[in-house]
C-alpha atoms as a PDB file:
ATOM      1  CA  UNK A   1      98.360 233.725  74.556  1.00  0.00           C
ATOM      2  CA  UNK A   2     101.387 233.022  76.743  1.00  0.00           C
ATOM      3  CA  UNK A   3     102.178 229.393  77.476  1.00  0.00           C
ATOM      4  CA  UNK A   4     100.682 228.262  80.776  1.00  0.00           C
ATOM      5  CA  UNK A   5     101.947 225.804  83.326  1.00  0.00           C
ATOM      6  CA  UNK A   6      99.989 222.555  83.504  1.00  0.00           C
ATOM      7  CA  UNK A   7      98.486 223.506  86.849  1.00  0.00           C
ATOM      8  CA  UNK A   8      97.354 226.900  85.584  1.00  0.00           C
ATOM      9  CA  UNK A   9      95.872 225.271  82.464  1.00  0.00           C
ATOM     10  CA  UNK A  10      94.035 222.679  84.559  1.00  0.00           C
ATOM     11  CA  UNK A  11      92.656 225.161  87.085  1.00  0.00           C
ATOM     12  CA  UNK A  12      91.466 227.555  84.407  1.00  0.00           C
ATOM     13  CA  UNK A  13      89.750 224.685  82.618  1.00  0.00           C
ATOM     14  CA  UNK A  14      87.871 223.675  85.777  1.00  0.00           C
ATOM     15  CA  UNK A  15      86.688 227.287  86.012  1.00  0.00           C
ATOM     16  CA  UNK A  16      85.598 227.311  82.339  1.00  0.00           C
ATOM     17  CA  UNK A  17      88.154 229.977  81.497  1.00  0.00           C
ATOM     18  CA  UNK A  18      90.175 230.311  78.305  1.00  0.00           C
ATOM     19  CA  UNK A  19      93.518 228.494  78.174  1.00  0.00           C
ATOM     20  CA  UNK A  20      96.521 228.460  75.871  1.00  0.00           C
ATOM     21  CA  UNK A  21      95.453 225.009  74.647  1.00  0.00           C
ATOM     22  CA  UNK A  22      93.068 222.191  75.529  1.00  0.00           C
ATOM     23  CA  UNK A  23      94.502 220.094  78.396  1.00  0.00           C
ATOM     24  CA  UNK A  24      94.668 216.294  78.431  1.00  0.00           C
ATOM     25  CA  UNK A  25      93.503 214.184  81.381  1.00  0.00           C
ATOM     26  CA  UNK A  26      93.716 210.399  81.334  1.00  0.00           C
ATOM     27  CA  UNK A  27      95.008 207.193  82.909  1.00  0.00           C
ATOM     28  CA  UNK A  28      98.058 205.975  80.999  1.00  0.00           C
ATOM     29  CA  UNK A  29      98.300 202.173  81.151  1.00  0.00           C
ATOM     30  CA  UNK A  30      99.629 201.493  77.659  1.00  0.00           C
ATOM     31  CA  UNK A  31     103.147 200.090  77.435  1.00  0.00           C
ATOM     32  CA  UNK A  32     103.893 201.271  73.906  1.00  0.00           C
ATOM     33  CA  UNK A  33     102.664 204.824  74.502  1.00  0.00           C
ATOM     34  CA  UNK A  34     104.586 205.040  77.774  1.00  0.00           C
ATOM     35  CA  UNK A  35     107.779 203.970  76.027  1.00  0.00           C
ATOM     36  CA  UNK A  36     107.120 206.419  73.171  1.00  0.00           C
ATOM     37  CA  UNK A  37     106.782 209.443  75.438  1.00  0.00           C
ATOM     38  CA  UNK A  38     109.367 208.382  78.013  1.00  0.00           C
ATOM     39  CA  UNK A  39     111.866 207.382  75.297  1.00  0.00           C
ATOM     40  CA  UNK A  40     112.888 204.512  77.579  1.00  0.00           C
ATOM     41  CA  UNK A  41     111.995 200.807  77.835  1.00  0.00           C
ATOM     42  CA  UNK A  42     109.299 199.993  80.413  1.00  0.00           C
ATOM     43  CA  UNK A  43     109.744 197.149  82.897  1.00  0.00           C
ATOM     44  CA  UNK A  44     108.100 196.139  86.144  1.00  0.00           C
ATOM     45  CA  UNK A  45     111.253 197.209  87.995  1.00  0.00           C
ATOM     46  CA  UNK A  46     111.366 200.741  86.566  1.00  0.00           C
ATOM     47  CA  UNK A  47     107.622 201.075  85.955  1.00  0.00           C
ATOM     48  CA  UNK A  48     106.777 203.921  88.328  1.00  0.00           C
ATOM     49  CA  UNK A  49     109.677 206.045  87.151  1.00  0.00           C
ATOM     50  CA  UNK A  50     109.229 205.437  83.421  1.00  0.00           C
ATOM     51  CA  UNK A  51     105.454 205.811  83.473  1.00  0.00           C
ATOM     52  CA  UNK A  52     105.862 208.983  85.518  1.00  0.00           C
ATOM     53  CA  UNK A  53     108.334 210.361  82.985  1.00  0.00           C
ATOM     54  CA  UNK A  54     105.872 209.616  80.166  1.00  0.00           C
ATOM     55  CA  UNK A  55     102.981 211.247  82.032  1.00  0.00           C
ATOM     56  CA  UNK A  56     105.059 214.361  82.530  1.00  0.00           C
ATOM     57  CA  UNK A  57     105.603 214.549  78.786  1.00  0.00           C
ATOM     58  CA  UNK A  58     102.045 214.002  77.535  1.00  0.00           C
ATOM     59  CA  UNK A  59      99.339 214.630  80.166  1.00  0.00           C
ATOM     60  CA  UNK A  60      98.221 217.709  82.085  1.00  0.00           C
ATOM     61  CA  UNK A  61      96.331 215.740  84.741  1.00  0.00           C
ATOM     62  CA  UNK A  62      96.185 212.087  85.682  1.00  0.00           C
ATOM     63  CA  UNK A  63      95.341 209.501  88.313  1.00  0.00           C
ATOM     64  CA  UNK A  64      96.522 205.963  89.071  1.00  0.00           C
ATOM     65  CA  UNK A  65     100.167 206.822  88.271  1.00  0.00           C
ATOM     66  CA  UNK A  66     101.650 203.475  89.357  1.00  0.00           C
ATOM     67  CA  UNK A  67     103.547 201.474  86.782  1.00  0.00           C
ATOM     68  CA  UNK A  68     102.933 197.831  85.814  1.00  0.00           C
ATOM     69  CA  UNK A  69     102.957 195.345  88.675  1.00  0.00           C
ATOM     70  CA  UNK A  70     104.550 191.874  88.787  1.00  0.00           C
ATOM     71  CA  UNK A  71     102.402 188.769  88.459  1.00  0.00           C
ATOM     72  CA  UNK A  72     101.484 187.707  91.987  1.00  0.00           C
ATOM     73  CA  UNK A  73      98.854 186.294  94.312  1.00  0.00           C
ATOM     74  CA  UNK A  74      98.066 187.678  97.753  1.00  0.00           C
ATOM     75  CA  UNK A  75      95.489 188.010 100.512  1.00  0.00           C
ATOM     76  CA  UNK A  76      94.536 191.435 101.861  1.00  0.00           C
ATOM     77  CA  UNK A  77      93.677 192.538 105.388  1.00  0.00           C
ATOM     78  CA  UNK A  78      89.956 191.912 104.745  1.00  0.00           C
ATOM     79  CA  UNK A  79      90.576 188.261 103.837  1.00  0.00           C
ATOM     80  CA  UNK A  80      90.162 188.502 100.058  1.00  0.00           C
ATOM     81  CA  UNK A  81      92.460 186.552  97.775  1.00  0.00           C
ATOM     82  CA  UNK A  82      93.696 188.219  94.603  1.00  0.00           C
ATOM     83  CA  UNK A  83      95.673 187.538  91.477  1.00  0.00           C
ATOM     84  CA  UNK A  84      97.216 190.386  89.542  1.00  0.00           C
ATOM     85  CA  UNK A  85      99.596 191.118  86.705  1.00  0.00           C
ATOM     86  CA  UNK A  86     100.854 194.295  85.084  1.00  0.00           C
ATOM     87  CA  UNK A  87      97.819 196.605  84.853  1.00  0.00           C
ATOM     88  CA  UNK A  88      94.974 194.557  86.356  1.00  0.00           C
ATOM     89  CA  UNK A  89      93.849 192.381  89.281  1.00  0.00           C
ATOM     90  CA  UNK A  90      90.881 190.198  90.151  1.00  0.00           C
ATOM     91  CA  UNK A  91      89.363 188.492  93.194  1.00  0.00           C
ATOM     92  CA  UNK A  92      90.026 184.761  93.482  1.00  0.00           C
ATOM     93  CA  UNK A  93      88.756 184.020  97.002  1.00  0.00           C
ATOM     94  CA  UNK A  94      86.242 185.600  99.377  1.00  0.00           C
ATOM     95  CA  UNK A  95      86.438 185.258 103.178  1.00  0.00           C
ATOM     96  CA  UNK A  96      83.158 183.376 103.628  1.00  0.00           C
ATOM     97  CA  UNK A  97      81.648 180.062 102.577  1.00  0.00           C
ATOM     98  CA  UNK A  98      77.915 180.825 102.632  1.00  0.00           C
ATOM     99  CA  UNK A  99      75.399 183.634 102.938  1.00  0.00           C
ATOM    100  CA  UNK A 100      75.489 183.623 106.719  1.00  0.00           C
ATOM    101  CA  UNK A 101      79.257 183.972 106.636  1.00  0.00           C
ATOM    102  CA  UNK A 102      78.933 186.852 104.194  1.00  0.00           C
ATOM    103  CA  UNK A 103      76.496 188.683 106.483  1.00  0.00           C
ATOM    104  CA  UNK A 104      78.820 188.272 109.441  1.00  0.00           C
ATOM    105  CA  UNK A 105      81.735 189.560 107.371  1.00  0.00           C
ATOM    106  CA  UNK A 106      79.741 192.643 106.362  1.00  0.00           C
ATOM    107  CA  UNK A 107      78.906 193.392 109.997  1.00  0.00           C
ATOM    108  CA  UNK A 108      82.586 193.130 110.948  1.00  0.00           C
ATOM    109  CA  UNK A 109      83.498 195.315 107.987  1.00  0.00           C
ATOM    110  CA  UNK A 110      81.024 197.984 109.088  1.00  0.00           C
ATOM    111  CA  UNK A 111      82.594 198.015 112.555  1.00  0.00           C
ATOM    112  CA  UNK A 112      86.101 198.151 111.091  1.00  0.00           C
ATOM    113  CA  UNK A 113      85.118 201.048 108.807  1.00  0.00           C
ATOM    114  CA  UNK A 114      83.455 202.960 111.636  1.00  0.00           C
ATOM    115  CA  UNK A 115      86.692 202.712 113.621  1.00  0.00           C
ATOM    116  CA  UNK A 116      88.948 203.729 110.743  1.00  0.00           C
ATOM    117  CA  UNK A 117      91.119 206.716 111.670  1.00  0.00           C
ATOM    118  CA  UNK A 118      92.636 209.286 109.317  1.00  0.00           C
ATOM    119  CA  UNK A 119      95.231 211.249 111.240  1.00  0.00           C
ATOM    120  CA  UNK A 120      98.374 213.297 110.640  1.00  0.00           C
ATOM    121  CA  UNK A 121     100.414 210.142 110.061  1.00  0.00           C
ATOM    122  CA  UNK A 122      97.998 209.032 107.346  1.00  0.00           C
ATOM    123  CA  UNK A 123      98.100 212.480 105.766  1.00  0.00           C
ATOM    124  CA  UNK A 124     101.904 212.570 105.793  1.00  0.00           C
ATOM    125  CA  UNK A 125     102.170 209.134 104.203  1.00  0.00           C
ATOM    126  CA  UNK A 126      99.555 210.022 101.595  1.00  0.00           C
ATOM    127  CA  UNK A 127     101.337 213.197 100.540  1.00  0.00           C
ATOM    128  CA  UNK A 128     104.719 211.481 100.546  1.00  0.00           C
ATOM    129  CA  UNK A 129     103.380 209.093  97.911  1.00  0.00           C
ATOM    130  CA  UNK A 130     102.011 211.981  95.843  1.00  0.00           C
ATOM    131  CA  UNK A 131     105.348 213.790  96.112  1.00  0.00           C
ATOM    132  CA  UNK A 132     107.199 210.703  94.908  1.00  0.00           C
ATOM    133  CA  UNK A 133     105.168 210.509  91.724  1.00  0.00           C
ATOM    134  CA  UNK A 134     105.366 214.273  91.252  1.00  0.00           C
ATOM    135  CA  UNK A 135     109.117 213.837  91.210  1.00  0.00           C
ATOM    136  CA  UNK A 136     108.805 211.247  88.452  1.00  0.00           C
ATOM    137  CA  UNK A 137     106.630 213.620  86.402  1.00  0.00           C
ATOM    138  CA  UNK A 138     109.268 216.300  86.696  1.00  0.00           C
ATOM    139  CA  UNK A 139     106.704 219.089  86.453  1.00  0.00           C
ATOM    140  CA  UNK A 140     103.374 220.255  87.850  1.00  0.00           C
ATOM    141  CA  UNK A 141     101.134 217.619  86.262  1.00  0.00           C
ATOM    142  CA  UNK A 142      97.998 217.621  88.436  1.00  0.00           C
ATOM    143  CA  UNK A 143      97.232 214.429  90.333  1.00  0.00           C
ATOM    144  CA  UNK A 144      93.502 213.848  90.697  1.00  0.00           C
ATOM    145  CA  UNK A 145      92.725 211.918  93.882  1.00  0.00           C
ATOM    146  CA  UNK A 146      89.988 209.271  93.991  1.00  0.00           C
ATOM    147  CA  UNK A 147      87.264 209.577  96.639  1.00  0.00           C
ATOM    148  CA  UNK A 148      84.434 207.059  96.456  1.00  0.00           C
ATOM    149  CA  UNK A 149      81.008 207.237  98.041  1.00  0.00           C
ATOM    150  CA  UNK A 150      81.484 203.526  98.791  1.00  0.00           C
ATOM    151  CA  UNK A 151      79.103 201.529  96.592  1.00  0.00           C
ATOM    152  CA  UNK A 152      81.533 200.208  93.984  1.00  0.00           C
ATOM    153  CA  UNK A 153      83.679 198.254  96.401  1.00  0.00           C
ATOM    154  CA  UNK A 154      80.608 196.807  98.095  1.00  0.00           C
ATOM    155  CA  UNK A 155      79.280 195.105  94.985  1.00  0.00           C
ATOM    156  CA  UNK A 156      82.783 194.198  93.818  1.00  0.00           C
ATOM    157  CA  UNK A 157      83.600 192.422  97.069  1.00  0.00           C
ATOM    158  CA  UNK A 158      80.285 190.534  97.145  1.00  0.00           C
ATOM    159  CA  UNK A 159      79.789 190.084  93.342  1.00  0.00           C
ATOM    160  CA  UNK A 160      76.684 191.437  91.644  1.00  0.00           C
ATOM    161  CA  UNK A 161      74.457 188.415  92.232  1.00  0.00           C
ATOM    162  CA  UNK A 162      75.033 188.340  95.971  1.00  0.00           C
ATOM    163  CA  UNK A 163      74.788 192.119  96.247  1.00  0.00           C
ATOM    164  CA  UNK A 164      71.489 192.172  94.324  1.00  0.00           C
ATOM    165  CA  UNK A 165      69.968 189.627  96.678  1.00  0.00           C
ATOM    166  CA  UNK A 166      71.234 191.591  99.670  1.00  0.00           C
ATOM    167  CA  UNK A 167      69.565 194.794  98.466  1.00  0.00           C
ATOM    168  CA  UNK A 168      66.269 192.910  98.243  1.00  0.00           C
ATOM    169  CA  UNK A 169      66.591 190.822 101.404  1.00  0.00           C
ATOM    170  CA  UNK A 170      68.286 193.231 103.822  1.00  0.00           C
ATOM    171  CA  UNK A 171      68.183 196.832 102.541  1.00  0.00           C
ATOM    172  CA  UNK A 172      68.836 198.132 106.037  1.00  0.00           C
ATOM    173  CA  UNK A 173      72.190 196.353 106.203  1.00  0.00           C
ATOM    174  CA  UNK A 174      73.145 197.688 102.777  1.00  0.00           C
ATOM    175  CA  UNK A 175      72.301 201.223 103.872  1.00  0.00           C
ATOM    176  CA  UNK A 176      74.220 200.850 107.137  1.00  0.00           C
ATOM    177  CA  UNK A 177      77.249 199.586 105.235  1.00  0.00           C
ATOM    178  CA  UNK A 178      77.076 202.365 102.654  1.00  0.00           C
ATOM    179  CA  UNK A 179      76.693 204.966 105.392  1.00  0.00           C
ATOM    180  CA  UNK A 180      79.758 203.673 107.249  1.00  0.00           C
ATOM    181  CA  UNK A 181      81.812 203.864 104.079  1.00  0.00           C
ATOM    182  CA  UNK A 182      80.608 207.368 103.202  1.00  0.00           C
ATOM    183  CA  UNK A 183      81.320 208.649 106.712  1.00  0.00           C
ATOM    184  CA  UNK A 184      84.833 207.205 106.559  1.00  0.00           C
ATOM    185  CA  UNK A 185      85.492 208.868 103.211  1.00  0.00           C
ATOM    186  CA  UNK A 186      84.232 212.198 104.523  1.00  0.00           C
ATOM    187  CA  UNK A 187      86.693 211.864 107.431  1.00  0.00           C
ATOM    188  CA  UNK A 188      89.424 211.126 104.888  1.00  0.00           C
ATOM    189  CA  UNK A 189      88.473 214.195 102.825  1.00  0.00           C
ATOM    190  CA  UNK A 190      88.755 216.394 105.900  1.00  0.00           C
ATOM    191  CA  UNK A 191      92.150 214.835 106.667  1.00  0.00           C
ATOM    192  CA  UNK A 192      93.840 215.184 103.276  1.00  0.00           C
ATOM    193  CA  UNK A 193      91.781 217.903 101.598  1.00  0.00           C
ATOM    194  CA  UNK A 194      94.001 220.772 100.485  1.00  0.00           C
ATOM    195  CA  UNK A 195      93.395 222.732  97.265  1.00  0.00           C
ATOM    196  CA  UNK A 196      97.117 223.326  96.832  1.00  0.00           C
ATOM    197  CA  UNK A 197      97.830 219.600  96.867  1.00  0.00           C
ATOM    198  CA  UNK A 198      94.498 218.295  95.556  1.00  0.00           C
ATOM    199  CA  UNK A 199      92.704 220.899  93.434  1.00  0.00           C
ATOM    200  CA  UNK A 200      90.405 218.171  92.061  1.00  0.00           C
ATOM    201  CA  UNK A 201      88.942 215.155  93.855  1.00  0.00           C
ATOM    202  CA  UNK A 202      87.436 212.372  91.774  1.00  0.00           C
ATOM    203  CA  UNK A 203      84.231 211.542  93.605  1.00  0.00           C
ATOM    204  CA  UNK A 204      83.018 208.268  92.151  1.00  0.00           C
ATOM    205  CA  UNK A 205      80.986 205.113  92.031  1.00  0.00           C
ATOM    206  CA  UNK A 206      80.402 203.072  88.905  1.00  0.00           C
ATOM    207  CA  UNK A 207      76.607 203.226  88.930  1.00  0.00           C
ATOM    208  CA  UNK A 208      75.739 202.601  85.266  1.00  0.00           C
ATOM    209  CA  UNK A 209      76.337 200.388  82.251  1.00  0.00           C
ATOM    210  CA  UNK A 210      75.680 200.744  78.524  1.00  0.00           C
ATOM    211  CA  UNK A 211      71.898 201.186  78.714  1.00  0.00           C
ATOM    212  CA  UNK A 212      71.013 202.618  82.113  1.00  0.00           C
ATOM    213  CA  UNK A 213      71.954 202.556  85.794  1.00  0.00           C
ATOM    214  CA  UNK A 214      73.125 199.344  87.512  1.00  0.00           C
ATOM    215  CA  UNK A 215      70.494 199.761  90.206  1.00  0.00           C
ATOM    216  CA  UNK A 216      67.274 201.706  89.824  1.00  0.00           C
ATOM    217  CA  UNK A 217      67.421 205.503  89.696  1.00  0.00           C
ATOM    218  CA  UNK A 218      64.856 205.452  92.495  1.00  0.00           C
ATOM    219  CA  UNK A 219      67.218 203.473  94.755  1.00  0.00           C
ATOM    220  CA  UNK A 220      70.095 205.757  93.870  1.00  0.00           C
ATOM    221  CA  UNK A 221      68.065 208.876  94.659  1.00  0.00           C
ATOM    222  CA  UNK A 222      66.967 207.495  98.028  1.00  0.00           C
ATOM    223  CA  UNK A 223      70.166 205.913  99.312  1.00  0.00           C
ATOM    224  CA  UNK A 224      73.158 207.012  97.276  1.00  0.00           C
ATOM    225  CA  UNK A 225      72.677 210.561  95.955  1.00  0.00           C
ATOM    226  CA  UNK A 226      72.310 212.105  99.443  1.00  0.00           C
ATOM    227  CA  UNK A 227      75.615 210.520 100.419  1.00  0.00           C
ATOM    228  CA  UNK A 228      77.321 211.771  97.253  1.00  0.00           C
ATOM    229  CA  UNK A 229      75.975 215.220  98.151  1.00  0.00           C
ATOM    230  CA  UNK A 230      77.596 215.042 101.592  1.00  0.00           C
ATOM    231  CA  UNK A 231      80.910 213.834 100.189  1.00  0.00           C
ATOM    232  CA  UNK A 232      80.994 216.594  97.572  1.00  0.00           C
ATOM    233  CA  UNK A 233      80.219 219.138 100.298  1.00  0.00           C
ATOM    234  CA  UNK A 234      83.118 217.804 102.395  1.00  0.00           C
ATOM    235  CA  UNK A 235      85.573 218.334  99.537  1.00  0.00           C
ATOM    236  CA  UNK A 236      84.119 221.762  98.793  1.00  0.00           C
ATOM    237  CA  UNK A 237      84.624 222.693 102.446  1.00  0.00           C
ATOM    238  CA  UNK A 238      88.320 221.923 101.933  1.00  0.00           C
ATOM    239  CA  UNK A 239      88.421 224.188  98.865  1.00  0.00           C
ATOM    240  CA  UNK A 240      88.642 221.356  96.299  1.00  0.00           C
ATOM    241  CA  UNK A 241      86.553 220.837  93.177  1.00  0.00           C
ATOM    242  CA  UNK A 242      84.743 217.541  92.540  1.00  0.00           C
ATOM    243  CA  UNK A 243      84.945 215.678  89.264  1.00  0.00           C
ATOM    244  CA  UNK A 244      82.385 212.870  89.318  1.00  0.00           C
ATOM    245  CA  UNK A 245      83.271 209.572  87.643  1.00  0.00           C
ATOM    246  CA  UNK A 246      81.089 206.703  86.521  1.00  0.00           C
ATOM    247  CA  UNK A 247      81.184 204.642  83.368  1.00  0.00           C
ATOM    248  CA  UNK A 248      77.953 203.953  81.502  1.00  0.00           C
ATOM    249  CA  UNK A 249      74.805 205.850  80.590  1.00  0.00           C
ATOM    250  CA  UNK A 250      74.278 208.459  83.303  1.00  0.00           C
ATOM    251  CA  UNK A 251      71.408 210.324  81.661  1.00  0.00           C
ATOM    252  CA  UNK A 252      68.737 208.780  83.978  1.00  0.00           C
ATOM    253  CA  UNK A 253      70.432 210.403  86.999  1.00  0.00           C
ATOM    254  CA  UNK A 254      72.482 213.192  85.431  1.00  0.00           C
ATOM    255  CA  UNK A 255      70.281 215.919  86.895  1.00  0.00           C
ATOM    256  CA  UNK A 256      70.622 214.251  90.308  1.00  0.00           C
ATOM    257  CA  UNK A 257      74.430 214.265  90.016  1.00  0.00           C
ATOM    258  CA  UNK A 258      74.350 217.955  89.176  1.00  0.00           C
ATOM    259  CA  UNK A 259      71.987 218.549  92.095  1.00  0.00           C
ATOM    260  CA  UNK A 260      74.527 216.847  94.373  1.00  0.00           C
ATOM    261  CA  UNK A 261      76.936 219.692  93.604  1.00  0.00           C
ATOM    262  CA  UNK A 262      79.497 218.077  91.291  1.00  0.00           C
ATOM    263  CA  UNK A 263      81.721 220.455  89.340  1.00  0.00           C
ATOM    264  CA  UNK A 264      82.708 218.156  86.461  1.00  0.00           C
ATOM    265  CA  UNK A 265      81.855 214.859  84.780  1.00  0.00           C
ATOM    266  CA  UNK A 266      84.026 211.942  83.641  1.00  0.00           C
ATOM    267  CA  UNK A 267      84.435 209.912  81.423  1.00  0.00           C
ATOM    268  CA  UNK A 268      81.358 210.541  79.173  1.00  0.00           C
ATOM    269  CA  UNK A 269      81.126 207.043  77.702  1.00  0.00           C
ATOM    270  CA  UNK A 270      80.340 207.326  74.008  1.00  0.00           C
ATOM    271  CA  UNK A 271      79.512 203.612  73.667  1.00  0.00           C
ATOM    272  CA  UNK A 272      76.772 204.125  76.273  1.00  0.00           C
ATOM    273  CA  UNK A 273      75.169 206.913  74.238  1.00  0.00           C
ATOM    274  CA  UNK A 274      76.685 209.924  75.977  1.00  0.00           C
ATOM    275  CA  UNK A 275      78.467 212.699  74.093  1.00  0.00           C
ATOM    276  CA  UNK A 276      80.455 215.746  75.088  1.00  0.00           C
ATOM    277  CA  UNK A 277      78.244 217.964  72.937  1.00  0.00           C
ATOM    278  CA  UNK A 278      75.015 216.781  74.551  1.00  0.00           C
ATOM    279  CA  UNK A 279      76.268 216.977  78.142  1.00  0.00           C
ATOM    280  CA  UNK A 280      77.633 220.483  77.532  1.00  0.00           C
ATOM    281  CA  UNK A 281      74.265 221.590  76.139  1.00  0.00           C
ATOM    282  CA  UNK A 282      72.382 220.099  79.104  1.00  0.00           C
ATOM    283  CA  UNK A 283      74.692 221.404  81.822  1.00  0.00           C
ATOM    284  CA  UNK A 284      76.963 224.135  80.458  1.00  0.00           C
ATOM    285  CA  UNK A 285      78.413 224.952  83.886  1.00  0.00           C
ATOM    286  CA  UNK A 286      80.153 221.557  84.240  1.00  0.00           C
ATOM    287  CA  UNK A 287      83.738 221.042  83.166  1.00  0.00           C
ATOM    288  CA  UNK A 288      83.966 217.837  81.137  1.00  0.00           C
ATOM    289  CA  UNK A 289      86.664 215.207  80.727  1.00  0.00           C
ATOM    290  CA  UNK A 290      86.904 212.325  78.300  1.00  0.00           C
ATOM    291  CA  UNK A 291      84.435 211.550  75.550  1.00  0.00           C
ATOM    292  CA  UNK A 292      86.863 209.890  73.109  1.00  0.00           C
ATOM    293  CA  UNK A 293      85.502 206.376  72.651  1.00  0.00           C
ATOM    294  CA  UNK A 294      87.843 203.648  73.858  1.00  0.00           C
ATOM    295  CA  UNK A 295      85.554 200.675  73.106  1.00  0.00           C
ATOM    296  CA  UNK A 296      85.829 200.935  69.314  1.00  0.00           C
ATOM    297  CA  UNK A 297      87.428 204.153  68.113  1.00  0.00           C
ATOM    298  CA  UNK A 298      90.679 204.205  70.082  1.00  0.00           C
ATOM    299  CA  UNK A 299      90.954 200.413  70.095  1.00  0.00           C
ATOM    300  CA  UNK A 300      90.189 199.755  66.422  1.00  0.00           C
ATOM    301  CA  UNK A 301      90.007 203.064  64.561  1.00  0.00           C
ATOM    302  CA  UNK A 302      92.679 204.884  62.602  1.00  0.00           C
ATOM    303  CA  UNK A 303      94.718 207.816  63.906  1.00  0.00           C
ATOM    304  CA  UNK A 304      92.861 210.048  61.437  1.00  0.00           C
ATOM    305  CA  UNK A 305      89.499 208.952  62.839  1.00  0.00           C
ATOM    306  CA  UNK A 306      90.682 209.499  66.396  1.00  0.00           C
ATOM    307  CA  UNK A 307      91.992 212.959  65.580  1.00  0.00           C
ATOM    308  CA  UNK A 308      88.693 213.906  63.911  1.00  0.00           C
ATOM    309  CA  UNK A 309      86.643 212.754  66.907  1.00  0.00           C
ATOM    310  CA  UNK A 310      88.881 214.763  69.242  1.00  0.00           C
ATOM    311  CA  UNK A 311      88.456 217.891  67.136  1.00  0.00           C
ATOM    312  CA  UNK A 312      84.681 217.381  67.185  1.00  0.00           C
ATOM    313  CA  UNK A 313      84.666 217.354  71.006  1.00  0.00           C
ATOM    314  CA  UNK A 314      86.883 220.415  71.141  1.00  0.00           C
ATOM    315  CA  UNK A 315      84.585 222.265  68.754  1.00  0.00           C
ATOM    316  CA  UNK A 316      81.520 221.186  70.755  1.00  0.00           C
ATOM    317  CA  UNK A 317      82.928 222.956  73.807  1.00  0.00           C
ATOM    318  CA  UNK A 318      84.769 225.767  72.019  1.00  0.00           C
ATOM    319  CA  UNK A 319      87.811 224.377  73.814  1.00  0.00           C
ATOM    320  CA  UNK A 320      86.563 225.837  77.109  1.00  0.00           C
ATOM    321  CA  UNK A 321      86.044 223.765  80.251  1.00  0.00           C
ATOM    322  CA  UNK A 322      87.032 220.553  78.512  1.00  0.00           C
ATOM    323  CA  UNK A 323      89.823 218.042  79.129  1.00  0.00           C
ATOM    324  CA  UNK A 324      90.499 215.836  76.138  1.00  0.00           C
ATOM    325  CA  UNK A 325      90.689 212.183  77.123  1.00  0.00           C
ATOM    326  CA  UNK A 326      89.441 208.672  76.607  1.00  0.00           C
ATOM    327  CA  UNK A 327      86.042 207.398  77.706  1.00  0.00           C
ATOM    328  CA  UNK A 328      87.710 205.166  80.308  1.00  0.00           C
ATOM    329  CA  UNK A 329      91.502 204.865  80.213  1.00  0.00           C
ATOM    330  CA  UNK A 330      94.384 204.492  77.769  1.00  0.00           C
ATOM    331  CA  UNK A 331      94.750 200.755  78.226  1.00  0.00           C
ATOM    332  CA  UNK A 332      97.177 198.174  76.870  1.00  0.00           C
ATOM    333  CA  UNK A 333      94.967 197.161  73.907  1.00  0.00           C
ATOM    334  CA  UNK A 334      94.983 200.564  72.173  1.00  0.00           C
ATOM    335  CA  UNK A 335      97.465 201.063  69.321  1.00  0.00           C
ATOM    336  CA  UNK A 336      99.998 203.642  70.472  1.00  0.00           C
ATOM    337  CA  UNK A 337      99.533 205.685  67.295  1.00  0.00           C
ATOM    338  CA  UNK A 338      95.907 206.334  68.274  1.00  0.00           C
ATOM    339  CA  UNK A 339      96.928 207.619  71.693  1.00  0.00           C
ATOM    340  CA  UNK A 340      99.493 209.868  70.045  1.00  0.00           C
ATOM    341  CA  UNK A 341      96.817 211.171  67.657  1.00  0.00           C
ATOM    342  CA  UNK A 342      94.544 212.038  70.588  1.00  0.00           C
ATOM    343  CA  UNK A 343      97.257 213.908  72.447  1.00  0.00           C
ATOM    344  CA  UNK A 344      98.368 215.675  69.256  1.00  0.00           C
ATOM    345  CA  UNK A 345      94.797 216.910  68.784  1.00  0.00           C
ATOM    346  CA  UNK A 346      95.034 218.736  72.107  1.00  0.00           C
ATOM    347  CA  UNK A 347      98.517 220.092  71.471  1.00  0.00           C
ATOM    348  CA  UNK A 348      97.415 221.397  68.067  1.00  0.00           C
ATOM    349  CA  UNK A 349      94.979 223.771  69.763  1.00  0.00           C
ATOM    350  CA  UNK A 350      97.881 225.811  71.163  1.00  0.00           C
ATOM    351  CA  UNK A 351      97.577 229.518  70.415  1.00  0.00           C
END
């Protein structure tokens, strides 16, 4: 088979069509692997350019293409204080002192979200950023754009304890907040949605952990799944496919996700009991991404073990409709030789 461009390989994979080789989709946040593929030293100053060069040399599709960030502290427009360094950040301060202050903040946030505008200026700035990274890749590596239903940020901003109490004490406020966030994201999808620029949108919320869902499947079906359905429909109206992302064990709501209209699933967390083979057997029409365990295998296994696990996933799908990749991201704790082994496993399927 003739060699395909990355874009052609990616699009054919999302349509469950044969390709010249299995494509690779992942987030590349590993200094040593970046330097290996870029053949250049990585610094904070040159991070976007060097990481982009590495992505162009080893991945077919990616997201979060920014390089490492300097150590810093800051406060955002919502009043949250943060600390961050290189590949991660965390909340240090929240803009309230008690529960009453939190409730008032949420009400202001709902109003702010309802008034959020996505116009031509937003679209132009968004695509200018995508074009900049595309230039660093130096080819047609596909950028997958994140598009959340809205739940993840809600519990992250509040913290899980406060959010859990809020669900119990004021479910109406939680629903109003989630609805405002979903409506805003639908407006954003209609603003930037373009299958030529964004063939795949990553609809997401982290709704599960190792054993089951973070909140009850019943709550998700009542409040969250209908909003995912509307967001997926908005992207489909723009001609874009939807790859759904959540870590954890999604089996309790997997049929609901499929019913919402998703086209693909990511990242298929092996440590949570999910496997590429099983998901393919349950829902053969989905394209799948990930499924190479990052918790133990990539972090602590040998290159030979990584390669074998990759080949098992490829065989489970016959190499059709499957993007090889980690079960979360290629982070800074993975030995570079294991990342290389994973990518080699995809390249070795070339025919």
